[in-house]
Protein backbone atom coordinates (compact mmCIF):
# COMPACT_ATOMS: atom_id res chain seq x y z
CA MET A 1 -145.73 -45.93 71.48
CA GLU A 2 -143.47 -44.97 68.56
CA ASP A 3 -140.50 -46.57 66.88
CA SER A 4 -138.15 -45.03 64.36
CA HIS A 5 -140.42 -46.09 61.50
CA GLY A 6 -143.39 -44.35 63.10
CA MET A 7 -141.41 -41.15 63.65
CA ASP A 8 -140.15 -41.21 60.05
CA LYS A 9 -143.70 -41.58 58.78
CA ASP A 10 -144.96 -38.70 60.92
CA GLU A 11 -142.11 -36.47 59.79
CA ARG A 12 -142.73 -37.35 56.16
CA ILE A 13 -146.41 -36.44 56.51
CA GLU A 14 -145.49 -33.22 58.31
CA GLY A 15 -143.14 -32.30 55.49
CA SER A 16 -145.65 -32.94 52.72
CA LYS A 17 -148.99 -31.83 54.17
CA ASN A 18 -149.55 -29.18 51.53
CA GLU A 19 -148.97 -31.63 48.68
CA LEU A 20 -151.15 -34.30 50.29
CA LEU A 21 -153.93 -31.80 50.88
CA ASP A 22 -153.75 -30.38 47.36
CA GLU A 23 -154.10 -33.88 45.97
CA LEU A 24 -157.17 -34.53 48.11
CA LYS A 25 -158.70 -31.18 47.09
CA GLU A 26 -158.29 -32.06 43.43
CA PHE A 27 -160.21 -35.29 44.01
CA LEU A 28 -162.94 -33.50 45.95
CA GLY A 29 -163.32 -30.92 43.20
CA MET A 30 -164.72 -33.56 40.84
CA PRO A 31 -168.55 -33.65 41.10
CA SER A 32 -168.94 -37.44 40.84
CA VAL A 33 -172.60 -37.60 41.90
CA SER A 34 -173.83 -41.06 40.97
CA ALA A 35 -177.49 -40.11 41.42
CA ARG A 36 -177.27 -37.69 38.48
CA ALA A 37 -177.56 -38.83 34.89
CA GLY A 38 -176.17 -37.16 31.81
CA ASP A 39 -172.59 -36.31 32.78
CA GLU A 40 -170.92 -39.64 32.13
CA GLY A 41 -167.73 -38.12 30.71
CA SER A 42 -167.02 -36.12 33.84
CA PHE A 43 -167.87 -39.08 36.07
CA ARG A 44 -165.59 -41.41 34.14
CA GLY A 45 -162.89 -38.76 34.33
CA CYS A 46 -163.01 -39.05 38.12
CA ALA A 47 -162.55 -42.84 37.89
CA GLU A 48 -159.62 -42.36 35.51
CA TRP A 49 -158.06 -39.87 37.94
CA VAL A 50 -158.24 -42.45 40.76
CA LEU A 51 -156.68 -45.01 38.45
CA SER A 52 -153.80 -42.63 37.67
CA LYS A 53 -153.12 -42.10 41.39
CA LEU A 54 -152.94 -45.84 41.97
CA GLU A 55 -150.53 -46.17 39.07
CA GLU A 56 -148.39 -43.37 40.51
CA ALA A 57 -148.29 -45.38 43.74
CA GLY A 58 -146.85 -48.32 41.79
CA ALA A 59 -149.97 -50.44 41.41
CA GLU A 60 -151.19 -52.15 38.26
CA ALA A 61 -154.57 -50.54 37.80
CA ARG A 62 -157.43 -50.75 35.32
CA LEU A 63 -161.00 -49.68 34.80
CA MET A 64 -163.42 -52.59 34.75
CA GLU A 65 -166.77 -52.00 33.11
CA THR A 66 -170.10 -52.78 34.77
CA ASP A 67 -173.70 -52.19 33.75
CA GLY A 68 -173.31 -48.79 35.42
CA HIS A 69 -170.26 -46.79 36.40
CA PRO A 70 -166.83 -48.44 36.08
CA VAL A 71 -164.95 -50.07 38.93
CA VAL A 72 -161.35 -49.04 39.55
CA TYR A 73 -159.35 -52.18 40.30
CA ALA A 74 -155.66 -52.34 41.22
CA GLU A 75 -153.06 -54.74 42.59
CA ILE A 76 -149.63 -54.23 44.09
CA GLY A 77 -147.17 -56.38 46.03
CA ALA A 78 -146.66 -60.12 46.38
CA GLY A 79 -146.58 -62.64 49.19
CA ASP A 80 -148.54 -65.27 51.06
CA SER A 81 -151.20 -62.87 52.37
CA THR A 82 -153.68 -60.67 50.51
CA LEU A 83 -155.49 -57.57 51.75
CA LEU A 84 -158.48 -56.14 49.87
CA SER A 85 -159.35 -52.44 50.23
CA TYR A 86 -162.89 -51.35 49.31
CA GLY A 87 -163.98 -47.75 48.76
CA HIS A 88 -166.06 -45.63 46.39
CA TYR A 89 -165.38 -42.54 44.32
CA ASP A 90 -169.00 -41.42 43.94
CA VAL A 91 -170.66 -38.94 46.29
CA GLN A 92 -174.12 -37.88 47.41
CA PRO A 93 -175.93 -34.99 45.70
CA PRO A 94 -174.99 -31.71 47.42
CA GLU A 95 -178.51 -30.24 47.54
CA PRO A 96 -179.87 -28.14 49.15
CA LEU A 97 -177.09 -25.86 47.93
CA GLU A 98 -178.34 -22.81 49.85
CA LEU A 99 -177.41 -24.52 53.13
CA TRP A 100 -173.72 -24.81 52.21
CA GLU A 101 -171.41 -22.13 53.56
CA SER A 102 -169.06 -22.70 50.60
CA ASP A 103 -169.25 -24.39 47.22
CA PRO A 104 -169.50 -28.17 47.87
CA PHE A 105 -167.08 -28.88 45.00
CA VAL A 106 -164.60 -26.11 45.80
CA PRO A 107 -162.91 -27.51 48.93
CA GLU A 108 -162.33 -24.90 51.62
CA VAL A 109 -160.40 -25.07 54.89
CA ARG A 110 -161.83 -23.15 57.85
CA ASP A 111 -160.22 -23.39 61.30
CA GLY A 112 -158.44 -26.64 60.51
CA VAL A 113 -161.54 -28.30 59.03
CA LEU A 114 -161.91 -29.15 55.34
CA PHE A 115 -165.40 -28.66 53.89
CA ALA A 116 -166.42 -30.40 50.64
CA ARG A 117 -168.87 -33.00 49.39
CA GLY A 118 -167.29 -36.43 49.75
CA VAL A 119 -164.44 -35.54 52.10
CA ALA A 120 -165.84 -37.76 54.88
CA ASP A 121 -167.74 -40.22 52.65
CA ASP A 122 -165.66 -41.61 51.01
CA LYS A 123 -163.07 -39.70 49.00
CA GLY A 124 -160.99 -38.73 52.02
CA ASP A 125 -160.66 -42.36 53.04
CA VAL A 126 -159.87 -43.53 49.48
CA MET A 127 -157.17 -40.92 49.11
CA ALA A 128 -155.67 -41.57 52.55
CA ARG A 129 -155.16 -45.24 51.66
CA ILE A 130 -153.50 -44.46 48.34
CA GLN A 131 -151.22 -41.88 49.95
CA ALA A 132 -150.43 -44.37 52.75
CA LEU A 133 -149.40 -46.92 50.13
CA ARG A 134 -146.97 -44.40 48.63
CA LEU A 135 -145.64 -43.63 52.10
CA TYR A 136 -145.07 -47.32 52.82
CA THR A 137 -143.30 -48.14 49.56
CA GLN A 138 -141.09 -45.04 49.78
CA GLU A 139 -139.88 -46.17 53.17
CA HIS A 140 -139.88 -49.96 52.90
CA GLY A 141 -139.89 -50.77 49.20
CA PRO A 142 -142.21 -53.39 47.67
CA LEU A 143 -145.10 -54.68 49.75
CA PRO A 144 -144.42 -58.19 51.14
CA PHE A 145 -148.11 -59.03 50.67
CA LYS A 146 -150.61 -58.48 47.89
CA LEU A 147 -152.82 -55.40 48.24
CA LYS A 148 -155.93 -55.15 46.06
CA PHE A 149 -158.10 -52.07 45.58
CA LEU A 150 -161.78 -52.26 44.68
CA ILE A 151 -163.13 -48.72 44.26
CA GLU A 152 -166.64 -48.50 42.83
CA GLY A 153 -168.75 -45.62 41.55
CA GLU A 154 -172.30 -46.51 42.61
CA GLU A 155 -172.26 -46.90 46.40
CA GLU A 156 -174.39 -43.82 46.96
CA VAL A 157 -177.18 -45.25 44.79
CA GLY A 158 -177.16 -48.69 46.40
CA SER A 159 -174.31 -50.34 44.43
CA PRO A 160 -176.65 -51.89 41.82
CA SER A 161 -173.80 -53.20 39.64
CA LEU A 162 -171.58 -54.48 42.45
CA PRO A 163 -173.24 -57.87 43.12
CA ALA A 164 -172.76 -59.02 39.53
CA PHE A 165 -169.21 -57.63 39.47
CA VAL A 166 -168.20 -59.43 42.66
CA ARG A 167 -169.78 -62.72 41.60
CA GLN A 168 -168.11 -62.57 38.19
CA ASN A 169 -164.71 -61.80 39.73
CA GLU A 170 -164.57 -63.99 42.83
CA GLU A 171 -161.07 -65.26 42.14
CA LEU A 172 -159.76 -61.80 41.29
CA LEU A 173 -161.11 -60.41 44.59
CA SER A 174 -160.03 -63.31 46.81
CA ALA A 175 -158.22 -62.12 49.94
CA ASP A 176 -157.43 -63.00 53.54
CA ALA A 177 -158.92 -59.79 54.92
CA CYS A 178 -160.79 -56.71 53.75
CA LEU A 179 -160.73 -53.08 54.86
CA TRP A 180 -164.15 -51.73 53.95
CA GLU A 181 -164.70 -48.01 53.51
CA GLY A 182 -163.60 -45.92 56.47
CA SER A 183 -165.03 -45.50 59.93
CA MET A 184 -164.90 -42.38 62.12
CA LYS A 185 -164.12 -41.03 65.59
CA ASP A 186 -166.75 -40.82 68.31
CA ASP A 187 -167.55 -37.64 70.24
CA ALA A 188 -164.75 -38.42 72.70
CA GLY A 189 -162.22 -38.58 69.87
CA ARG A 190 -161.84 -42.37 69.97
CA PRO A 191 -161.49 -44.26 66.67
CA MET A 192 -164.36 -46.65 66.01
CA ILE A 193 -163.91 -50.04 64.36
CA PHE A 194 -167.05 -51.56 62.85
CA CYS A 195 -167.26 -55.33 62.39
CA GLY A 196 -170.50 -55.58 60.45
CA THR A 197 -173.51 -53.96 58.87
CA LYS A 198 -177.23 -54.60 59.13
CA GLY A 199 -179.12 -55.99 56.19
CA MET A 200 -182.03 -54.13 54.66
CA LEU A 201 -185.30 -54.71 52.84
CA TYR A 202 -186.66 -51.59 51.10
CA ILE A 203 -190.27 -51.78 49.95
CA GLU A 204 -193.33 -49.78 48.96
CA LEU A 205 -196.83 -50.54 50.18
CA ARG A 206 -199.45 -49.33 47.70
CA ALA A 207 -203.20 -49.06 48.22
CA ARG A 208 -205.76 -48.06 45.60
CA GLY A 209 -209.36 -46.87 45.77
CA ALA A 210 -211.53 -45.39 43.02
CA SER A 211 -210.18 -44.85 39.52
CA HIS A 212 -209.84 -41.11 40.29
CA ASP A 213 -210.02 -38.72 43.24
CA LEU A 214 -213.60 -38.26 44.46
CA HIS A 215 -215.48 -35.42 46.13
CA SER A 216 -215.23 -35.99 49.87
CA MET A 217 -219.04 -36.03 50.19
CA TYR A 218 -218.53 -39.69 49.27
CA GLY A 219 -216.15 -40.14 52.20
CA GLY A 220 -218.58 -42.32 54.08
CA ILE A 221 -219.00 -44.90 51.33
CA ALA A 222 -215.99 -44.60 49.02
CA PRO A 223 -212.96 -46.78 49.78
CA ASN A 224 -210.15 -44.56 51.06
CA PRO A 225 -206.66 -45.95 50.26
CA ALA A 226 -205.01 -43.62 52.76
CA TRP A 227 -207.03 -45.10 55.61
CA ARG A 228 -206.45 -48.57 54.18
CA LEU A 229 -202.72 -48.00 54.28
CA VAL A 230 -202.82 -46.61 57.82
CA GLN A 231 -204.74 -49.67 58.98
CA ALA A 232 -202.26 -52.02 57.31
CA LEU A 233 -199.29 -50.19 58.84
CA ARG A 234 -200.91 -50.44 62.25
CA THR A 235 -200.54 -54.22 62.09
CA ILE A 236 -196.75 -53.94 61.60
CA LYS A 237 -196.11 -51.77 64.68
CA ASP A 238 -198.30 -51.43 67.74
CA GLU A 239 -199.20 -48.33 69.75
CA ASN A 240 -196.10 -48.85 71.92
CA GLY A 241 -193.76 -48.77 68.94
CA GLU A 242 -193.01 -52.49 69.08
CA ILE A 243 -192.66 -54.40 65.80
CA THR A 244 -195.47 -56.94 65.43
CA LEU A 245 -194.61 -58.47 62.05
CA ASP A 246 -195.37 -62.19 62.27
CA GLY A 247 -192.25 -64.37 62.40
CA LEU A 248 -189.65 -61.58 62.26
CA GLU A 249 -188.34 -62.17 65.75
CA GLU A 250 -187.93 -65.91 65.18
CA LEU A 251 -185.35 -65.27 62.45
CA VAL A 252 -182.97 -63.32 64.73
CA SER A 253 -179.64 -64.98 65.58
CA PRO A 254 -178.77 -63.90 69.14
CA PRO A 255 -175.60 -61.83 69.64
CA SER A 256 -172.50 -63.60 70.90
CA LYS A 257 -171.07 -63.14 74.38
CA GLU A 258 -168.15 -61.28 72.78
CA ASP A 259 -170.56 -58.92 71.00
CA LEU A 260 -172.31 -58.06 74.24
CA GLU A 261 -168.99 -57.52 76.01
CA ALA A 262 -167.85 -55.19 73.22
CA ILE A 263 -171.05 -53.15 73.51
CA GLU A 264 -170.39 -52.58 77.21
CA LYS A 265 -167.17 -50.75 76.26
CA ILE A 266 -168.86 -48.38 73.80
CA LEU A 267 -169.23 -44.76 74.84
CA PHE A 268 -172.88 -43.81 74.23
CA ASN A 269 -173.63 -40.17 74.93
CA GLU A 270 -177.40 -40.26 74.67
CA THR A 271 -177.79 -36.69 75.95
CA ALA A 272 -175.59 -35.29 73.19
CA LEU A 273 -177.32 -37.43 70.57
CA ARG A 274 -180.79 -36.29 71.61
CA ALA A 275 -179.60 -32.69 71.66
CA SER A 276 -178.18 -32.97 68.15
CA TRP A 277 -181.57 -34.31 66.97
CA GLY A 278 -183.53 -31.70 68.90
CA VAL A 279 -185.67 -34.28 70.73
CA ASP A 280 -186.37 -34.84 74.41
CA SER A 281 -186.41 -38.64 74.33
CA PHE A 282 -185.79 -41.66 72.15
CA ASP A 283 -188.59 -43.77 70.71
CA ARG A 284 -190.43 -45.81 73.34
CA GLY A 285 -188.51 -43.94 76.04
CA LEU A 286 -185.40 -46.08 75.52
CA THR A 287 -182.32 -44.97 77.45
CA GLY A 288 -178.70 -45.96 78.02
CA ARG A 289 -177.48 -49.41 77.04
CA GLU A 290 -180.94 -50.52 76.01
CA ALA A 291 -181.07 -47.75 73.41
CA LEU A 292 -177.59 -48.67 72.15
CA LYS A 293 -178.47 -52.37 71.90
CA GLU A 294 -181.67 -51.48 70.07
CA MET A 295 -179.69 -49.48 67.52
CA LEU A 296 -177.00 -52.12 66.97
CA LEU A 297 -178.69 -55.47 67.55
CA ARG A 298 -182.37 -55.12 66.73
CA PRO A 299 -184.32 -55.00 63.43
CA THR A 300 -186.33 -51.92 62.49
CA ALA A 301 -189.55 -51.19 60.60
CA ASN A 302 -189.13 -47.62 59.46
CA ILE A 303 -191.51 -45.40 57.47
CA ALA A 304 -189.27 -43.37 55.18
CA GLY A 305 -192.03 -41.50 53.35
CA ILE A 306 -195.78 -41.53 52.91
CA GLU A 307 -197.98 -39.83 50.32
CA SER A 308 -201.63 -39.63 49.37
CA GLY A 309 -204.20 -37.14 48.16
CA TYR A 310 -203.89 -33.38 48.31
CA THR A 311 -201.01 -31.86 50.32
CA GLY A 312 -200.83 -28.35 48.86
CA PRO A 313 -201.83 -25.01 50.44
CA GLY A 314 -205.39 -24.40 51.55
CA SER A 315 -208.11 -27.02 51.39
CA LYS A 316 -209.21 -29.49 48.77
CA THR A 317 -211.94 -31.86 49.85
CA ILE A 318 -211.29 -35.19 48.19
CA VAL A 319 -211.16 -38.92 48.77
CA PRO A 320 -207.80 -39.85 47.28
CA SER A 321 -207.59 -42.57 44.67
CA GLU A 322 -204.26 -43.99 45.80
CA ALA A 323 -201.76 -43.99 48.65
CA PHE A 324 -198.27 -45.36 49.09
CA VAL A 325 -195.61 -45.59 51.76
CA LYS A 326 -191.89 -46.28 51.47
CA MET A 327 -190.45 -48.47 54.22
CA ASP A 328 -187.05 -49.83 55.10
CA PHE A 329 -186.56 -52.80 57.39
CA ARG A 330 -183.04 -52.93 58.84
CA LEU A 331 -182.20 -56.57 59.42
CA VAL A 332 -179.84 -58.27 61.84
CA ALA A 333 -177.93 -61.55 61.72
CA GLY A 334 -180.25 -64.43 60.82
CA GLN A 335 -182.68 -62.25 58.89
CA SER A 336 -182.55 -61.97 55.10
CA PRO A 337 -184.46 -59.68 52.69
CA GLY A 338 -186.18 -62.48 50.76
CA PRO A 339 -187.66 -64.34 53.73
CA VAL A 340 -188.67 -61.08 55.43
CA LEU A 341 -190.45 -59.97 52.25
CA ASP A 342 -192.37 -63.25 52.27
CA LEU A 343 -193.23 -62.76 55.95
CA LEU A 344 -194.60 -59.29 55.22
CA ARG A 345 -196.83 -60.43 52.38
CA GLU A 346 -198.14 -63.36 54.41
CA HIS A 347 -198.65 -61.14 57.46
CA LEU A 348 -200.80 -58.67 55.51
CA ALA A 349 -202.78 -61.36 53.68
CA ARG A 350 -203.50 -63.13 56.95
CA ARG A 351 -205.16 -59.95 58.23
CA GLY A 352 -207.21 -59.30 55.13
CA PHE A 353 -204.88 -56.82 53.45
CA SER A 354 -204.04 -58.87 50.35
CA ASP A 355 -205.28 -55.87 48.32
CA VAL A 356 -202.32 -53.80 49.61
CA GLU A 357 -199.53 -54.28 47.07
CA VAL A 358 -196.02 -54.97 48.40
CA VAL A 359 -193.35 -53.78 45.95
CA ASP A 360 -189.80 -55.00 46.50
CA LEU A 361 -187.41 -52.14 45.69
CA HIS A 362 -184.12 -53.66 46.83
CA GLY A 363 -182.38 -55.44 49.65
CA VAL A 364 -178.97 -56.30 51.07
CA GLU A 365 -177.84 -59.02 53.42
CA ALA A 366 -176.42 -58.46 56.89
CA ALA A 367 -172.65 -58.95 57.27
CA LYS A 368 -170.63 -59.86 60.35
CA THR A 369 -167.00 -60.44 61.30
CA PRO A 370 -166.30 -61.69 64.87
CA VAL A 371 -165.10 -58.93 67.21
CA ASP A 372 -162.22 -61.17 68.32
CA SER A 373 -160.95 -61.74 64.76
CA PRO A 374 -157.18 -61.31 64.22
CA LEU A 375 -158.04 -58.55 61.73
CA VAL A 376 -159.80 -56.60 64.49
CA ARG A 377 -156.84 -57.04 66.82
CA THR A 378 -154.50 -55.71 64.13
CA ALA A 379 -156.70 -52.65 63.65
CA VAL A 380 -156.87 -51.96 67.39
CA ASP A 381 -153.13 -52.41 67.88
CA THR A 382 -152.38 -50.12 64.94
CA TRP A 383 -154.41 -47.29 66.46
CA ARG A 384 -152.49 -47.78 69.69
CA GLU A 385 -149.16 -47.60 67.86
CA VAL A 386 -149.95 -44.31 66.12
CA GLY A 387 -150.73 -42.76 69.50
CA ALA A 388 -154.50 -42.37 69.09
CA SER A 389 -157.04 -42.85 71.85
CA GLU A 390 -157.98 -46.48 72.49
CA ALA A 391 -160.14 -47.71 69.62
CA VAL A 392 -163.70 -48.86 70.32
CA VAL A 393 -164.93 -52.02 68.62
CA TYR A 394 -168.55 -52.14 67.44
CA PRO A 395 -170.01 -55.58 66.65
CA THR A 396 -172.01 -53.90 63.89
CA ILE A 397 -173.49 -50.54 62.96
CA GLY A 398 -177.09 -49.54 62.48
CA GLY A 399 -176.64 -48.87 58.77
CA SER A 400 -176.47 -51.15 55.75
CA GLY A 401 -174.32 -51.60 52.68
CA PRO A 402 -173.08 -54.19 50.20
CA THR A 403 -170.56 -55.49 52.76
CA SER A 404 -172.06 -58.99 52.68
CA LEU A 405 -170.87 -59.48 49.09
CA VAL A 406 -167.32 -59.68 50.43
CA ALA A 407 -167.78 -60.69 54.07
CA THR A 408 -170.47 -63.34 53.55
CA GLU A 409 -170.42 -64.47 49.92
CA LEU A 410 -166.63 -64.44 49.54
CA GLY A 411 -166.04 -65.34 53.18
CA ILE A 412 -163.45 -62.61 53.77
CA PRO A 413 -163.16 -61.10 57.30
CA THR A 414 -164.16 -57.47 56.80
CA ILE A 415 -164.00 -54.40 59.03
CA MET A 416 -164.32 -50.62 58.76
CA THR A 417 -161.40 -48.70 60.22
CA GLY A 418 -159.55 -45.48 59.61
CA ALA A 419 -161.01 -42.24 60.92
CA VAL A 420 -161.07 -39.39 58.42
CA ALA A 421 -164.64 -38.62 59.54
CA ASN A 422 -166.03 -37.73 62.95
CA VAL A 423 -169.51 -37.52 64.47
CA GLU A 424 -169.80 -33.88 63.35
CA SER A 425 -168.78 -34.53 59.74
CA ARG A 426 -172.37 -34.18 58.45
CA ILE A 427 -172.09 -37.13 56.08
CA HIS A 428 -174.77 -36.87 53.32
CA ALA A 429 -175.72 -33.38 54.58
CA PRO A 430 -174.73 -29.82 53.64
CA ASN A 431 -171.33 -28.68 54.95
CA GLU A 432 -169.80 -32.16 54.98
CA SER A 433 -166.40 -31.91 56.62
CA ALA A 434 -163.32 -33.60 58.03
CA ARG A 435 -160.68 -32.32 60.40
CA LEU A 436 -157.27 -32.03 58.75
CA ASP A 437 -155.58 -33.55 61.80
CA ASP A 438 -157.77 -36.65 61.45
CA TYR A 439 -157.03 -36.89 57.74
CA PHE A 440 -153.27 -36.77 58.15
CA GLU A 441 -153.46 -39.16 61.12
CA SER A 442 -155.42 -41.62 58.95
CA ILE A 443 -152.68 -41.59 56.31
CA GLY A 444 -150.17 -42.57 58.99
CA TYR A 445 -152.60 -45.13 60.39
CA PHE A 446 -153.02 -46.97 57.09
CA ALA A 447 -149.27 -46.90 56.43
CA ARG A 448 -148.69 -48.49 59.83
CA PHE A 449 -151.55 -50.95 59.26
CA PHE A 450 -149.83 -52.12 56.05
CA GLU A 451 -146.62 -52.56 58.06
CA ARG A 452 -148.36 -54.69 60.69
CA PHE A 453 -150.24 -56.72 58.09
CA ALA A 454 -146.91 -57.50 56.42
CA ASN A 455 -145.53 -59.11 59.57
């Protein structure tokens, strides 16, 4: 379904693919790894480069300082409606480097696929939106609505400076709708639109025994913190894999009828997913729609790492002096990090584990925009107009992020759309990639989205 505007946009992209790609490669060549300290000048240089690209697109842009890396903020256009675009210019560490087939910060195209750290998360999406803005203004002139860009530099380390920034700049960031960082295509090539994120509580449980490691001949009488920790963990999940944390289930807000209807339309290829993981079955033997609903609508109690005692080669017979486990609890609508933290402490104390220390590392709130929001309809219709496969709407995703700062605290309907990435993009892993066809299509998609939002 194309009109003359759509054809013009496609032809303009076709005629400038090399320039658009070179610009993206320049961005990807900047090693803006937020988890690394000590290279602030190079990192700031990346933020300044993004600012310059927004200025070239006609926006009024500036760097805004935070307690960490600077935020790139920009505005362009005028009118009764305002659209906020969120993204981030920082990337994950590339290690292990030996698993990359090419230098992670020297972008390389192989068989129509671009490989580089950050191309799928989130530099490709950031660049596609800026290039789409240029495309729109070249064809139509000034935007008939206000478009704001919020591009941060700490998303990959949990956005520690973003809450204070958003709360200090509520009026500056006010908008009628928000496009959060980009989504992706599923394994059938259909664009996915995400309407929310889970919340998260990240904690450590710490147990201590003697003041130092002991000879294991004392194993029958010395307190063993590793066993203590195992016993405490056993009260949080039972032998069937079901979460047994007191009061957690009572906090859940049930999904809406529209959410459940949307889930029925989602393609879930469990066979392909299990194969990609190299496993024969999901946890608890879940299959089909029940597995999908578990992933999207249910909280989790995940052990991310556990450590105690001697783990080197050979044997060392000791009773360890301490043990700790890192856990993340993914939270759904109705659950919040603070109350869940309280539940956990009370749960353990009630069972005699008040000696096990619960350390709060960080948390984020769940965020949700209704699947029948006008913003969602605009995103779906835009995909249809650019000739893509029918978009699939997800009520939420299994992951978490600072989305609630905008969607919940500022009350702005917020979705993830655009599809630079795909299910094989290896986000956060070696050989991160994006298909060039998807990248150029996303530029056209955002240009058309701006056109629809203007009307």
